[in-house]
Full PDB file with SEQRES, HELIX, SHEET, SSBOND, CRYST1, ORIGX, SCALE, CONECT and MASTER records, all heavy atoms in Angstrom:
SEQRES   1 A   40  ASN ASN ALA GLY ILE GLY LEU LEU HIS ASN PHE GLU ASP          
SEQRES   2 A   40  ASN PRO VAL GLU GLU GLU LYS ARG HIS LEU LYS LEU HIS          
SEQRES   3 A   40  ALA GLU THR ALA LEU VAL LEU SER HIS ALA ALA LEU LYS          
SEQRES   4 A   40  GLY                                                          
HELIX    1 AA1 VAL A   16  LEU A   23  1                                   8    
HELIX    2 AA2 LYS A   24  THR A   29  3                                   6    
HELIX    3 AA3 ALA A   30  LYS A   39  1                                  10    
CRYST1    1.000    1.000    1.000  90.00  90.00  90.00 P 1           1          
ORIGX1      1.000000  0.000000  0.000000        0.00000                         
ORIGX2      0.000000  1.000000  0.000000        0.00000                         
ORIGX3      0.000000  0.000000  1.000000        0.00000                         
SCALE1      1.000000  0.000000  0.000000        0.00000                         
SCALE2      0.000000  1.000000  0.000000        0.00000                         
SCALE3      0.000000  0.000000  1.000000        0.00000                         
ATOM      1  N   ASN A   1     238.872 -56.857  71.015  1.00  0.00           N  
ATOM      2  CA  ASN A   1     239.740 -58.134  71.491  1.00  0.00           C  
ATOM      3  C   ASN A   1     240.510 -58.485  70.188  1.00  0.00           C  
ATOM      4  O   ASN A   1     240.098 -59.264  69.452  1.00  0.00           O  
ATOM      5  CB  ASN A   1     238.803 -59.181  71.922  1.00  0.00           C  
ATOM      6  CG  ASN A   1     238.292 -58.923  73.284  1.00  0.00           C  
ATOM      7  OD1 ASN A   1     239.059 -58.575  74.199  1.00  0.00           O  
ATOM      8  ND2 ASN A   1     236.949 -59.137  73.516  1.00  0.00           N  
ATOM      9  N   ASN A   2     241.677 -57.921  70.197  1.00  0.00           N  
ATOM     10  CA  ASN A   2     242.591 -58.238  69.023  1.00  0.00           C  
ATOM     11  C   ASN A   2     243.883 -59.016  69.290  1.00  0.00           C  
ATOM     12  O   ASN A   2     244.321 -59.714  68.431  1.00  0.00           O  
ATOM     13  CB  ASN A   2     242.993 -56.895  68.363  1.00  0.00           C  
ATOM     14  CG  ASN A   2     244.131 -57.150  67.351  1.00  0.00           C  
ATOM     15  OD1 ASN A   2     243.985 -57.614  66.243  1.00  0.00           O  
ATOM     16  ND2 ASN A   2     245.334 -56.687  67.832  1.00  0.00           N  
ATOM     17  N   ALA A   3     244.309 -59.078  70.520  1.00  0.00           N  
ATOM     18  CA  ALA A   3     245.558 -59.671  70.890  1.00  0.00           C  
ATOM     19  C   ALA A   3     245.539 -61.157  70.523  1.00  0.00           C  
ATOM     20  O   ALA A   3     244.471 -61.887  70.760  1.00  0.00           O  
ATOM     21  CB  ALA A   3     245.852 -59.589  72.341  1.00  0.00           C  
ATOM     22  N   GLY A   4     246.583 -61.585  69.909  1.00  0.00           N  
ATOM     23  CA  GLY A   4     246.624 -63.009  69.455  1.00  0.00           C  
ATOM     24  C   GLY A   4     248.078 -63.509  69.196  1.00  0.00           C  
ATOM     25  O   GLY A   4     248.940 -62.697  68.982  1.00  0.00           O  
ATOM     26  N   ILE A   5     248.195 -64.839  69.149  1.00  0.00           N  
ATOM     27  CA  ILE A   5     249.556 -65.489  68.763  1.00  0.00           C  
ATOM     28  C   ILE A   5     249.226 -66.644  67.875  1.00  0.00           C  
ATOM     29  O   ILE A   5     248.097 -67.073  67.798  1.00  0.00           O  
ATOM     30  CB  ILE A   5     250.295 -65.810  70.074  1.00  0.00           C  
ATOM     31  CG1 ILE A   5     249.429 -66.828  70.953  1.00  0.00           C  
ATOM     32  CG2 ILE A   5     250.695 -64.669  70.858  1.00  0.00           C  
ATOM     33  CD1 ILE A   5     250.116 -67.422  72.130  1.00  0.00           C  
ATOM     34  N   GLY A   6     250.253 -67.085  67.140  1.00  0.00           N  
ATOM     35  CA  GLY A   6     250.150 -68.206  66.389  1.00  0.00           C  
ATOM     36  C   GLY A   6     251.141 -69.280  66.731  1.00  0.00           C  
ATOM     37  O   GLY A   6     252.244 -68.982  67.424  1.00  0.00           O  
ATOM     38  N   LEU A   7     250.902 -70.528  66.469  1.00  0.00           N  
ATOM     39  CA  LEU A   7     251.803 -71.570  66.703  1.00  0.00           C  
ATOM     40  C   LEU A   7     252.168 -72.239  65.386  1.00  0.00           C  
ATOM     41  O   LEU A   7     251.316 -72.636  64.588  1.00  0.00           O  
ATOM     42  CB  LEU A   7     251.146 -72.661  67.552  1.00  0.00           C  
ATOM     43  CG  LEU A   7     250.754 -72.154  69.029  1.00  0.00           C  
ATOM     44  CD1 LEU A   7     249.923 -73.238  69.687  1.00  0.00           C  
ATOM     45  CD2 LEU A   7     251.889 -71.792  69.776  1.00  0.00           C  
ATOM     46  N   LEU A   8     253.498 -72.353  65.125  1.00  0.00           N  
ATOM     47  CA  LEU A   8     254.055 -72.723  63.806  1.00  0.00           C  
ATOM     48  C   LEU A   8     253.907 -74.242  63.613  1.00  0.00           C  
ATOM     49  O   LEU A   8     253.765 -74.613  62.484  1.00  0.00           O  
ATOM     50  CB  LEU A   8     255.498 -72.266  63.713  1.00  0.00           C  
ATOM     51  CG  LEU A   8     256.200 -72.597  62.345  1.00  0.00           C  
ATOM     52  CD1 LEU A   8     255.495 -71.783  61.217  1.00  0.00           C  
ATOM     53  CD2 LEU A   8     257.678 -72.151  62.465  1.00  0.00           C  
ATOM     54  N   HIS A   9     253.956 -75.087  64.620  1.00  0.00           N  
ATOM     55  CA  HIS A   9     254.147 -76.476  64.446  1.00  0.00           C  
ATOM     56  C   HIS A   9     252.797 -77.252  64.616  1.00  0.00           C  
ATOM     57  O   HIS A   9     251.815 -76.663  64.987  1.00  0.00           O  
ATOM     58  CB  HIS A   9     255.152 -77.049  65.333  1.00  0.00           C  
ATOM     59  CG  HIS A   9     256.489 -76.343  65.217  1.00  0.00           C  
ATOM     60  ND1 HIS A   9     257.185 -76.299  64.011  1.00  0.00           N  
ATOM     61  CD2 HIS A   9     257.363 -75.710  66.149  1.00  0.00           C  
ATOM     62  CE1 HIS A   9     258.275 -75.633  64.197  1.00  0.00           C  
ATOM     63  NE2 HIS A   9     258.420 -75.263  65.438  1.00  0.00           N  
ATOM     64  N   ASN A  10     252.894 -78.445  64.384  1.00  0.00           N  
ATOM     65  CA  ASN A  10     251.636 -79.366  64.563  1.00  0.00           C  
ATOM     66  C   ASN A  10     251.392 -79.442  66.054  1.00  0.00           C  
ATOM     67  O   ASN A  10     252.160 -79.216  66.900  1.00  0.00           O  
ATOM     68  CB  ASN A  10     251.967 -80.824  64.015  1.00  0.00           C  
ATOM     69  CG  ASN A  10     252.051 -80.835  62.570  1.00  0.00           C  
ATOM     70  OD1 ASN A  10     251.331 -80.087  61.833  1.00  0.00           O  
ATOM     71  ND2 ASN A  10     253.030 -81.624  62.037  1.00  0.00           N  
ATOM     72  N   PHE A  11     250.149 -79.813  66.275  1.00  0.00           N  
ATOM     73  CA  PHE A  11     249.647 -79.870  67.733  1.00  0.00           C  
ATOM     74  C   PHE A  11     250.470 -80.785  68.554  1.00  0.00           C  
ATOM     75  O   PHE A  11     250.884 -80.505  69.705  1.00  0.00           O  
ATOM     76  CB  PHE A  11     248.139 -80.434  67.694  1.00  0.00           C  
ATOM     77  CG  PHE A  11     247.661 -80.682  69.054  1.00  0.00           C  
ATOM     78  CD1 PHE A  11     247.378 -79.717  69.976  1.00  0.00           C  
ATOM     79  CD2 PHE A  11     247.306 -82.031  69.484  1.00  0.00           C  
ATOM     80  CE1 PHE A  11     246.897 -79.927  71.231  1.00  0.00           C  
ATOM     81  CE2 PHE A  11     246.718 -82.213  70.633  1.00  0.00           C  
ATOM     82  CZ  PHE A  11     246.490 -81.284  71.548  1.00  0.00           C  
ATOM     83  N   GLU A  12     250.933 -81.983  67.952  1.00  0.00           N  
ATOM     84  CA  GLU A  12     251.668 -82.935  68.727  1.00  0.00           C  
ATOM     85  C   GLU A  12     253.107 -82.474  68.998  1.00  0.00           C  
ATOM     86  O   GLU A  12     253.791 -82.992  69.839  1.00  0.00           O  
ATOM     87  CB  GLU A  12     251.647 -84.329  68.057  1.00  0.00           C  
ATOM     88  CG  GLU A  12     252.436 -84.445  66.763  1.00  0.00           C  
ATOM     89  CD  GLU A  12     251.769 -83.961  65.549  1.00  0.00           C  
ATOM     90  OE1 GLU A  12     250.673 -83.409  65.611  1.00  0.00           O  
ATOM     91  OE2 GLU A  12     252.250 -84.325  64.411  1.00  0.00           O  
ATOM     92  N   ASP A  13     253.636 -81.462  68.164  1.00  0.00           N  
ATOM     93  CA  ASP A  13     254.963 -81.011  68.365  1.00  0.00           C  
ATOM     94  C   ASP A  13     255.067 -79.810  69.275  1.00  0.00           C  
ATOM     95  O   ASP A  13     256.160 -79.475  69.744  1.00  0.00           O  
ATOM     96  CB  ASP A  13     255.581 -80.643  66.899  1.00  0.00           C  
ATOM     97  CG  ASP A  13     255.662 -81.756  66.061  1.00  0.00           C  
ATOM     98  OD1 ASP A  13     255.972 -82.946  66.616  1.00  0.00           O  
ATOM     99  OD2 ASP A  13     255.503 -81.738  64.838  1.00  0.00           O  
ATOM    100  N   ASN A  14     253.924 -79.197  69.569  1.00  0.00           N  
ATOM    101  CA  ASN A  14     253.986 -78.019  70.436  1.00  0.00           C  
ATOM    102  C   ASN A  14     253.897 -78.446  71.894  1.00  0.00           C  
ATOM    103  O   ASN A  14     253.152 -79.450  72.292  1.00  0.00           O  
ATOM    104  CB  ASN A  14     252.673 -77.133  70.180  1.00  0.00           C  
ATOM    105  CG  ASN A  14     252.863 -76.399  68.727  1.00  0.00           C  
ATOM    106  OD1 ASN A  14     253.855 -76.092  68.353  1.00  0.00           O  
ATOM    107  ND2 ASN A  14     251.644 -76.388  68.150  1.00  0.00           N  
ATOM    108  N   PRO A  15     254.729 -77.831  72.785  1.00  0.00           N  
ATOM    109  CA  PRO A  15     254.553 -78.049  74.218  1.00  0.00           C  
ATOM    110  C   PRO A  15     253.125 -77.717  74.636  1.00  0.00           C  
ATOM    111  O   PRO A  15     252.616 -76.695  74.276  1.00  0.00           O  
ATOM    112  CB  PRO A  15     255.662 -77.116  74.817  1.00  0.00           C  
ATOM    113  CG  PRO A  15     256.609 -76.888  73.730  1.00  0.00           C  
ATOM    114  CD  PRO A  15     255.802 -76.886  72.536  1.00  0.00           C  
ATOM    115  N   VAL A  16     252.575 -78.544  75.519  1.00  0.00           N  
ATOM    116  CA  VAL A  16     251.166 -78.312  75.867  1.00  0.00           C  
ATOM    117  C   VAL A  16     250.981 -76.999  76.637  1.00  0.00           C  
ATOM    118  O   VAL A  16     249.935 -76.345  76.489  1.00  0.00           O  
ATOM    119  CB  VAL A  16     250.688 -79.516  76.861  1.00  0.00           C  
ATOM    120  CG1 VAL A  16     251.362 -79.346  78.218  1.00  0.00           C  
ATOM    121  CG2 VAL A  16     249.122 -79.492  76.863  1.00  0.00           C  
ATOM    122  N   GLU A  17     252.054 -76.516  77.264  1.00  0.00           N  
ATOM    123  CA  GLU A  17     251.971 -75.189  77.927  1.00  0.00           C  
ATOM    124  C   GLU A  17     251.786 -74.075  76.824  1.00  0.00           C  
ATOM    125  O   GLU A  17     251.061 -73.095  77.056  1.00  0.00           O  
ATOM    126  CB  GLU A  17     253.092 -74.894  78.743  1.00  0.00           C  
ATOM    127  CG  GLU A  17     253.213 -75.746  80.014  1.00  0.00           C  
ATOM    128  CD  GLU A  17     251.999 -75.604  80.858  1.00  0.00           C  
ATOM    129  OE1 GLU A  17     251.553 -74.522  81.093  1.00  0.00           O  
ATOM    130  OE2 GLU A  17     251.531 -76.617  81.341  1.00  0.00           O  
ATOM    131  N   GLU A  18     252.321 -74.156  75.733  1.00  0.00           N  
ATOM    132  CA  GLU A  18     252.218 -73.244  74.634  1.00  0.00           C  
ATOM    133  C   GLU A  18     250.764 -73.330  74.121  1.00  0.00           C  
ATOM    134  O   GLU A  18     250.093 -72.255  73.763  1.00  0.00           O  
ATOM    135  CB  GLU A  18     253.194 -73.437  73.574  1.00  0.00           C  
ATOM    136  CG  GLU A  18     254.557 -73.023  73.852  1.00  0.00           C  
ATOM    137  CD  GLU A  18     255.465 -73.106  72.641  1.00  0.00           C  
ATOM    138  OE1 GLU A  18     255.080 -73.214  71.567  1.00  0.00           O  
ATOM    139  OE2 GLU A  18     256.732 -73.030  72.838  1.00  0.00           O  
ATOM    140  N   GLU A  19     250.236 -74.450  73.989  1.00  0.00           N  
ATOM    141  CA  GLU A  19     248.849 -74.679  73.463  1.00  0.00           C  
ATOM    142  C   GLU A  19     247.868 -74.000  74.519  1.00  0.00           C  
ATOM    143  O   GLU A  19     246.898 -73.424  74.056  1.00  0.00           O  
ATOM    144  CB  GLU A  19     248.527 -76.092  73.337  1.00  0.00           C  
ATOM    145  CG  GLU A  19     249.282 -76.736  72.079  1.00  0.00           C  
ATOM    146  CD  GLU A  19     248.577 -76.280  70.808  1.00  0.00           C  
ATOM    147  OE1 GLU A  19     247.607 -75.698  70.753  1.00  0.00           O  
ATOM    148  OE2 GLU A  19     249.061 -76.841  69.754  1.00  0.00           O  
ATOM    149  N   LYS A  20     248.170 -74.296  75.776  1.00  0.00           N  
ATOM    150  CA  LYS A  20     247.242 -73.674  76.801  1.00  0.00           C  
ATOM    151  C   LYS A  20     247.299 -72.119  76.788  1.00  0.00           C  
ATOM    152  O   LYS A  20     246.309 -71.526  76.871  1.00  0.00           O  
ATOM    153  CB  LYS A  20     247.641 -74.255  78.198  1.00  0.00           C  
ATOM    154  CG  LYS A  20     247.302 -75.723  78.356  1.00  0.00           C  
ATOM    155  CD  LYS A  20     247.942 -76.238  79.697  1.00  0.00           C  
ATOM    156  CE  LYS A  20     247.484 -75.559  80.867  1.00  0.00           C  
ATOM    157  NZ  LYS A  20     248.151 -76.146  82.124  1.00  0.00           N  
ATOM    158  N   ARG A  21     248.447 -71.595  76.677  1.00  0.00           N  
ATOM    159  CA  ARG A  21     248.607 -70.141  76.603  1.00  0.00           C  
ATOM    160  C   ARG A  21     247.918 -69.652  75.289  1.00  0.00           C  
ATOM    161  O   ARG A  21     247.272 -68.531  75.440  1.00  0.00           O  
ATOM    162  CB  ARG A  21     250.144 -69.789  76.501  1.00  0.00           C  
ATOM    163  CG  ARG A  21     250.425 -68.380  76.343  1.00  0.00           C  
ATOM    164  CD  ARG A  21     251.994 -68.188  76.625  1.00  0.00           C  
ATOM    165  NE  ARG A  21     252.422 -66.766  76.239  1.00  0.00           N  
ATOM    166  CZ  ARG A  21     252.873 -66.352  75.168  1.00  0.00           C  
ATOM    167  NH1 ARG A  21     253.022 -67.179  74.154  1.00  0.00           N  
ATOM    168  NH2 ARG A  21     253.141 -65.074  75.026  1.00  0.00           N  
ATOM    169  N   HIS A  22     248.092 -70.274  74.209  1.00  0.00           N  
ATOM    170  CA  HIS A  22     247.452 -69.915  72.997  1.00  0.00           C  
ATOM    171  C   HIS A  22     245.943 -69.948  73.097  1.00  0.00           C  
ATOM    172  O   HIS A  22     245.249 -68.930  72.747  1.00  0.00           O  
ATOM    173  CB  HIS A  22     247.924 -70.989  71.962  1.00  0.00           C  
ATOM    174  CG  HIS A  22     247.203 -70.830  70.560  1.00  0.00           C  
ATOM    175  ND1 HIS A  22     246.113 -71.667  70.322  1.00  0.00           N  
ATOM    176  CD2 HIS A  22     247.564 -70.167  69.513  1.00  0.00           C  
ATOM    177  CE1 HIS A  22     245.714 -71.296  68.985  1.00  0.00           C  
ATOM    178  NE2 HIS A  22     246.598 -70.451  68.493  1.00  0.00           N  
ATOM    179  N   LEU A  23     245.328 -70.969  73.729  1.00  0.00           N  
ATOM    180  CA  LEU A  23     243.901 -71.101  73.901  1.00  0.00           C  
ATOM    181  C   LEU A  23     243.366 -70.065  74.882  1.00  0.00           C  
ATOM    182  O   LEU A  23     242.323 -69.344  74.714  1.00  0.00           O  
ATOM    183  CB  LEU A  23     243.490 -72.319  74.324  1.00  0.00           C  
ATOM    184  CG  LEU A  23     242.003 -72.749  74.533  1.00  0.00           C  
ATOM    185  CD1 LEU A  23     241.224 -72.520  73.265  1.00  0.00           C  
ATOM    186  CD2 LEU A  23     241.750 -74.091  75.095  1.00  0.00           C  
ATOM    187  N   LYS A  24     244.183 -69.821  75.919  1.00  0.00           N  
ATOM    188  CA  LYS A  24     243.705 -68.792  76.882  1.00  0.00           C  
ATOM    189  C   LYS A  24     243.614 -67.387  76.267  1.00  0.00           C  
ATOM    190  O   LYS A  24     242.630 -66.597  76.589  1.00  0.00           O  
ATOM    191  CB  LYS A  24     244.780 -68.798  78.160  1.00  0.00           C  
ATOM    192  CG  LYS A  24     244.503 -67.847  79.282  1.00  0.00           C  
ATOM    193  CD  LYS A  24     245.549 -67.804  80.270  1.00  0.00           C  
ATOM    194  CE  LYS A  24     245.238 -67.012  81.485  1.00  0.00           C  
ATOM    195  NZ  LYS A  24     244.161 -67.485  82.277  1.00  0.00           N  
ATOM    196  N   LEU A  25     244.648 -67.004  75.462  1.00  0.00           N  
ATOM    197  CA  LEU A  25     244.683 -65.716  74.986  1.00  0.00           C  
ATOM    198  C   LEU A  25     243.475 -65.531  73.969  1.00  0.00           C  
ATOM    199  O   LEU A  25     242.726 -64.457  74.060  1.00  0.00           O  
ATOM    200  CB  LEU A  25     245.978 -65.437  74.254  1.00  0.00           C  
ATOM    201  CG  LEU A  25     246.115 -64.043  73.543  1.00  0.00           C  
ATOM    202  CD1 LEU A  25     245.981 -62.912  74.563  1.00  0.00           C  
ATOM    203  CD2 LEU A  25     247.498 -63.905  72.870  1.00  0.00           C  
ATOM    204  N   HIS A  26     243.252 -66.483  73.009  1.00  0.00           N  
ATOM    205  CA  HIS A  26     242.302 -66.351  72.085  1.00  0.00           C  
ATOM    206  C   HIS A  26     240.756 -66.482  72.490  1.00  0.00           C  
ATOM    207  O   HIS A  26     239.928 -65.793  72.118  1.00  0.00           O  
ATOM    208  CB  HIS A  26     242.481 -67.260  71.004  1.00  0.00           C  
ATOM    209  CG  HIS A  26     243.732 -66.975  70.078  1.00  0.00           C  
ATOM    210  ND1 HIS A  26     243.696 -66.044  69.149  1.00  0.00           N  
ATOM    211  CD2 HIS A  26     244.911 -67.510  70.037  1.00  0.00           C  
ATOM    212  CE1 HIS A  26     244.870 -65.917  68.623  1.00  0.00           C  
ATOM    213  NE2 HIS A  26     245.636 -66.962  69.129  1.00  0.00           N  
ATOM    214  N   ALA A  27     240.617 -67.337  73.564  1.00  0.00           N  
ATOM    215  CA  ALA A  27     239.307 -67.652  73.991  1.00  0.00           C  
ATOM    216  C   ALA A  27     238.956 -67.035  75.365  1.00  0.00           C  
ATOM    217  O   ALA A  27     238.111 -66.234  75.630  1.00  0.00           O  
ATOM    218  CB  ALA A  27     239.057 -69.131  73.995  1.00  0.00           C  
ATOM    219  N   GLU A  28     239.687 -67.570  76.442  1.00  0.00           N  
ATOM    220  CA  GLU A  28     239.362 -67.210  77.780  1.00  0.00           C  
ATOM    221  C   GLU A  28     239.517 -65.660  78.024  1.00  0.00           C  
ATOM    222  O   GLU A  28     238.656 -65.027  78.638  1.00  0.00           O  
ATOM    223  CB  GLU A  28     240.282 -67.909  78.781  1.00  0.00           C  
ATOM    224  CG  GLU A  28     240.006 -67.628  80.280  1.00  0.00           C  
ATOM    225  CD  GLU A  28     240.905 -68.385  81.244  1.00  0.00           C  
ATOM    226  OE1 GLU A  28     241.267 -69.478  80.867  1.00  0.00           O  
ATOM    227  OE2 GLU A  28     241.147 -67.775  82.272  1.00  0.00           O  
ATOM    228  N   THR A  29     240.620 -65.079  77.596  1.00  0.00           N  
ATOM    229  CA  THR A  29     240.927 -63.677  77.837  1.00  0.00           C  
ATOM    230  C   THR A  29     239.799 -62.833  77.089  1.00  0.00           C  
ATOM    231  O   THR A  29     239.262 -61.910  77.743  1.00  0.00           O  
ATOM    232  CB  THR A  29     242.227 -63.266  77.451  1.00  0.00           C  
ATOM    233  OG1 THR A  29     243.286 -64.023  78.122  1.00  0.00           O  
ATOM    234  CG2 THR A  29     242.389 -61.869  77.570  1.00  0.00           C  
ATOM    235  N   ALA A  30     239.428 -63.137  75.870  1.00  0.00           N  
ATOM    236  CA  ALA A  30     238.365 -62.453  75.191  1.00  0.00           C  
ATOM    237  C   ALA A  30     237.105 -62.550  75.864  1.00  0.00           C  
ATOM    238  O   ALA A  30     236.308 -61.637  75.964  1.00  0.00           O  
ATOM    239  CB  ALA A  30     238.240 -62.960  73.770  1.00  0.00           C  
ATOM    240  N   LEU A  31     236.718 -63.755  76.452  1.00  0.00           N  
ATOM    241  CA  LEU A  31     235.500 -63.920  77.274  1.00  0.00           C  
ATOM    242  C   LEU A  31     235.475 -63.040  78.440  1.00  0.00           C  
ATOM    243  O   LEU A  31     234.603 -62.332  78.768  1.00  0.00           O  
ATOM    244  CB  LEU A  31     235.457 -65.338  77.621  1.00  0.00           C  
ATOM    245  CG  LEU A  31     234.175 -65.789  78.505  1.00  0.00           C  
ATOM    246  CD1 LEU A  31     233.744 -67.169  78.100  1.00  0.00           C  
ATOM    247  CD2 LEU A  31     234.423 -65.712  79.944  1.00  0.00           C  
ATOM    248  N   VAL A  32     236.683 -63.073  79.179  1.00  0.00           N  
ATOM    249  CA  VAL A  32     236.666 -62.312  80.366  1.00  0.00           C  
ATOM    250  C   VAL A  32     236.548 -60.814  80.156  1.00  0.00           C  
ATOM    251  O   VAL A  32     235.856 -60.146  80.898  1.00  0.00           O  
ATOM    252  CB  VAL A  32     238.111 -62.599  81.206  1.00  0.00           C  
ATOM    253  CG1 VAL A  32     238.208 -61.655  82.376  1.00  0.00           C  
ATOM    254  CG2 VAL A  32     238.032 -64.058  81.648  1.00  0.00           C  
ATOM    255  N   LEU A  33     237.274 -60.259  79.092  1.00  0.00           N  
ATOM    256  CA  LEU A  33     237.309 -58.823  78.916  1.00  0.00           C  
ATOM    257  C   LEU A  33     235.877 -58.376  78.349  1.00  0.00           C  
ATOM    258  O   LEU A  33     235.436 -57.434  78.734  1.00  0.00           O  
ATOM    259  CB  LEU A  33     238.338 -58.470  77.908  1.00  0.00           C  
ATOM    260  CG  LEU A  33     239.774 -58.707  78.359  1.00  0.00           C  
ATOM    261  CD1 LEU A  33     240.727 -58.133  77.368  1.00  0.00           C  
ATOM    262  CD2 LEU A  33     240.064 -58.239  79.718  1.00  0.00           C  
ATOM    263  N   SER A  34     235.345 -59.309  77.546  1.00  0.00           N  
ATOM    264  CA  SER A  34     233.902 -58.976  77.080  1.00  0.00           C  
ATOM    265  C   SER A  34     232.926 -58.918  78.151  1.00  0.00           C  
ATOM    266  O   SER A  34     232.062 -58.119  78.265  1.00  0.00           O  
ATOM    267  CB  SER A  34     233.457 -60.141  75.960  1.00  0.00           C  
ATOM    268  OG  SER A  34     234.320 -60.043  74.873  1.00  0.00           O  
ATOM    269  N   HIS A  35     233.036 -59.917  79.115  1.00  0.00           N  
ATOM    270  CA  HIS A  35     232.171 -59.937  80.322  1.00  0.00           C  
ATOM    271  C   HIS A  35     232.222 -58.654  81.165  1.00  0.00           C  
ATOM    272  O   HIS A  35     231.333 -58.137  81.554  1.00  0.00           O  
ATOM    273  CB  HIS A  35     232.507 -61.082  81.163  1.00  0.00           C  
ATOM    274  CG  HIS A  35     231.529 -61.427  82.188  1.00  0.00           C  
ATOM    275  ND1 HIS A  35     231.659 -60.908  83.523  1.00  0.00           N  
ATOM    276  CD2 HIS A  35     230.407 -62.171  82.328  1.00  0.00           C  
ATOM    277  CE1 HIS A  35     230.745 -61.246  84.334  1.00  0.00           C  
ATOM    278  NE2 HIS A  35     229.922 -62.153  83.541  1.00  0.00           N  
ATOM    279  N   ALA A  36     233.463 -58.146  81.300  1.00  0.00           N  
ATOM    280  CA  ALA A  36     233.750 -56.997  82.121  1.00  0.00           C  
ATOM    281  C   ALA A  36     233.146 -55.766  81.394  1.00  0.00           C  
ATOM    282  O   ALA A  36     232.632 -54.834  81.955  1.00  0.00           O  
ATOM    283  CB  ALA A  36     235.167 -56.779  82.252  1.00  0.00           C  
ATOM    284  N   ALA A  37     233.375 -55.666  80.024  1.00  0.00           N  
ATOM    285  CA  ALA A  37     232.866 -54.539  79.305  1.00  0.00           C  
ATOM    286  C   ALA A  37     231.331 -54.488  79.237  1.00  0.00           C  
ATOM    287  O   ALA A  37     230.784 -53.339  79.249  1.00  0.00           O  
ATOM    288  CB  ALA A  37     233.439 -54.493  77.877  1.00  0.00           C  
ATOM    289  N   LEU A  38     230.795 -55.636  79.120  1.00  0.00           N  
ATOM    290  CA  LEU A  38     229.339 -55.743  78.923  1.00  0.00           C  
ATOM    291  C   LEU A  38     228.512 -55.089  80.056  1.00  0.00           C  
ATOM    292  O   LEU A  38     227.508 -54.458  79.870  1.00  0.00           O  
ATOM    293  CB  LEU A  38     228.931 -57.165  78.711  1.00  0.00           C  
ATOM    294  CG  LEU A  38     228.688 -57.724  77.325  1.00  0.00           C  
ATOM    295  CD1 LEU A  38     228.461 -59.165  77.280  1.00  0.00           C  
ATOM    296  CD2 LEU A  38     227.649 -56.885  76.652  1.00  0.00           C  
ATOM    297  N   LYS A  39     229.010 -55.314  81.296  1.00  0.00           N  
ATOM    298  CA  LYS A  39     228.252 -54.677  82.413  1.00  0.00           C  
ATOM    299  C   LYS A  39     227.958 -53.238  82.303  1.00  0.00           C  
ATOM    300  O   LYS A  39     226.798 -52.838  82.446  1.00  0.00           O  
ATOM    301  CB  LYS A  39     228.927 -55.077  83.654  1.00  0.00           C  
ATOM    302  CG  LYS A  39     229.099 -56.596  84.004  1.00  0.00           C  
ATOM    303  CD  LYS A  39     229.738 -56.802  85.365  1.00  0.00           C  
ATOM    304  CE  LYS A  39     229.766 -58.320  85.650  1.00  0.00           C  
ATOM    305  NZ  LYS A  39     230.469 -58.569  86.959  1.00  0.00           N  
ATOM    306  N   GLY A  40     229.052 -52.491  82.018  1.00  0.00           N  
ATOM    307  CA  GLY A  40     228.769 -51.017  81.856  1.00  0.00           C  
ATOM    308  C   GLY A  40     228.012 -50.688  80.564  1.00  0.00           C  
ATOM    309  O   GLY A  40     227.227 -49.783  80.621  1.00  0.00           O  
TER     310      GLY A  40                                                      
MASTER        0    0    0    3    0    0    0    6  309    1    0    4          
END                                                                             
Protein backbone atom coordinates (compact mmCIF):
# COMPACT_ATOMS: atom_id res chain seq x y z
CA ASN A 1 0.00 0.00 0.00
CA ASN A 2 2.11 2.84 -1.34
CA ALA A 3 -0.25 5.23 -3.15
CA GLY A 4 -0.34 8.64 -1.50
CA ILE A 5 -0.74 12.36 -1.97
CA GLY A 6 0.32 15.44 -0.04
CA LEU A 7 -1.38 18.72 0.73
CA LEU A 8 0.74 21.85 0.54
CA HIS A 9 -1.35 24.27 2.61
CA ASN A 10 -2.62 24.51 6.15
CA PHE A 11 -5.68 22.53 7.18
CA GLU A 12 -7.88 25.63 7.30
CA ASP A 13 -6.76 26.65 3.80
CA ASN A 14 -7.45 23.32 2.12
CA PRO A 15 -10.91 22.58 0.66
CA VAL A 16 -12.52 19.96 2.86
CA GLU A 17 -13.08 17.72 -0.18
CA GLU A 18 -9.31 17.61 -0.70
CA GLU A 19 -8.83 16.71 2.96
CA LYS A 20 -11.41 13.92 2.68
CA ARG A 21 -9.75 12.55 -0.47
CA HIS A 22 -6.37 12.69 1.26
CA LEU A 23 -7.63 10.78 4.31
CA LYS A 24 -9.48 8.24 2.17
CA LEU A 25 -6.41 7.35 0.16
CA HIS A 26 -4.01 7.05 3.08
CA ALA A 27 -6.29 5.33 5.59
CA GLU A 28 -9.55 3.95 4.19
CA THR A 29 -8.16 2.58 0.94
CA ALA A 30 -5.21 0.94 2.71
CA LEU A 31 -7.64 -0.64 5.18
CA VAL A 32 -9.94 -1.94 2.43
CA LEU A 33 -7.12 -3.42 0.35
CA SER A 34 -5.46 -4.99 3.38
CA HIS A 35 -8.77 -6.56 4.39
CA ALA A 36 -9.21 -8.02 0.91
CA ALA A 37 -5.66 -9.39 0.76
CA LEU A 38 -5.76 -10.87 4.26
CA LYS A 39 -8.55 -13.32 3.52
CA GLY A 40 -6.55 -15.27 0.96
